[in-house]
Protein backbone atom coordinates (compact mmCIF):
# COMPACT_ATOMS: atom_id res chain seq x y z
CA UNK A 1 -37.19 -99.96 74.31
CA UNK A 2 -37.73 -98.92 70.72
CA UNK A 3 -40.73 -97.79 68.87
CA UNK A 4 -41.25 -97.17 65.29
CA UNK A 5 -42.40 -94.02 64.11
CA UNK A 6 -43.42 -93.51 60.48
CA UNK A 7 -41.73 -90.08 59.27
CA UNK A 8 -42.23 -90.46 55.48
CA UNK A 9 -45.26 -90.40 53.38
CA UNK A 10 -43.56 -92.88 50.90
CA UNK A 11 -43.37 -92.60 47.21
CA UNK A 12 -41.17 -89.36 47.55
CA UNK A 13 -37.90 -91.06 46.58
CA UNK A 14 -34.53 -90.40 47.68
CA UNK A 15 -34.02 -86.82 47.29
CA UNK A 16 -30.51 -86.22 48.88
CA UNK A 17 -29.05 -89.73 48.68
CA UNK A 18 -28.09 -89.43 52.33
CA UNK A 19 -27.56 -92.63 54.34
CA UNK A 20 -26.38 -91.19 57.65
CA UNK A 21 -26.92 -87.85 59.65
CA UNK A 22 -23.84 -87.23 61.83
CA UNK A 23 -25.11 -83.43 62.08
CA UNK A 24 -28.04 -84.51 64.42
CA UNK A 25 -25.86 -85.98 67.42
CA UNK A 26 -26.69 -83.87 70.41
CA UNK A 27 -30.18 -82.77 68.77
CA UNK A 28 -33.49 -83.96 70.29
CA UNK A 29 -35.00 -87.12 68.71
CA UNK A 30 -37.95 -84.96 67.56
CA UNK A 31 -35.67 -82.35 65.72
CA UNK A 32 -33.60 -85.32 64.33
CA UNK A 33 -36.41 -87.22 62.96
CA UNK A 34 -37.77 -84.06 61.43
CA UNK A 35 -34.43 -83.50 59.64
CA UNK A 36 -34.19 -87.29 58.62
CA UNK A 37 -37.84 -86.84 57.25
CA UNK A 38 -36.98 -83.65 55.36
CA UNK A 39 -33.91 -85.16 53.79
CA UNK A 40 -35.49 -88.81 53.12
CA UNK A 41 -39.32 -88.86 53.18
CA UNK A 42 -38.99 -92.52 51.72
CA UNK A 43 -37.62 -94.12 55.10
CA UNK A 44 -38.87 -94.80 58.46
CA UNK A 45 -37.32 -93.73 61.68
CA UNK A 46 -36.91 -96.17 64.40
CA UNK A 47 -36.30 -94.43 67.82
CA UNK A 48 -34.40 -96.33 70.40
CA UNK A 49 -34.34 -94.49 74.01
CA UNK A 50 -31.68 -95.22 76.62
CA UNK A 51 -30.29 -98.68 75.66
CA UNK A 52 -27.82 -100.48 73.43
CA UNK A 53 -30.49 -102.47 71.73
CA UNK A 54 -30.42 -102.30 67.86
CA UNK A 55 -33.20 -103.82 65.80
CA UNK A 56 -32.24 -107.10 64.16
CA UNK A 57 -31.37 -107.39 60.63
CA UNK A 58 -30.63 -104.74 57.87
CA UNK A 59 -33.49 -102.75 56.53
CA UNK A 60 -32.72 -100.21 53.58
CA UNK A 61 -35.88 -98.16 54.53
CA UNK A 62 -35.16 -97.89 58.13
CA UNK A 63 -33.01 -95.08 60.01
CA UNK A 64 -32.18 -95.96 63.48
CA UNK A 65 -31.93 -92.96 65.98
CA UNK A 66 -30.31 -93.89 69.36
CA UNK A 67 -30.92 -91.47 72.29
CA UNK A 68 -30.10 -91.06 76.06
CA UNK A 69 -32.91 -91.21 78.67
CA UNK A 70 -33.69 -87.56 78.09
CA UNK A 71 -34.24 -87.84 74.15
CA UNK A 72 -30.97 -86.50 72.96
CA UNK A 73 -29.45 -88.42 70.05
CA UNK A 74 -26.02 -90.07 71.10
CA UNK A 75 -24.96 -91.89 67.95
CA UNK A 76 -25.01 -91.06 64.23
CA UNK A 77 -28.35 -92.20 62.83
CA UNK A 78 -27.98 -94.32 59.69
CA UNK A 79 -29.93 -96.35 57.11
CA UNK A 80 -30.28 -99.99 58.02
């Protein structure tokens, strides 16, 4: 089950050029979303809890964060 959480105010632009966040694997989804927001306020974070579902289609303004059932990031979040 996924939900979309807006984390960027938009208009801030790409400050770091990052497209993936391997360092947040093992973090809580809240902490990971905050880090992604800090690095890239121009993207949205899509949180997917406890499931292999992936949102359809590529979206250059979305970062997908996949977590286990307790809210720990289990795969490197990436734009798309």
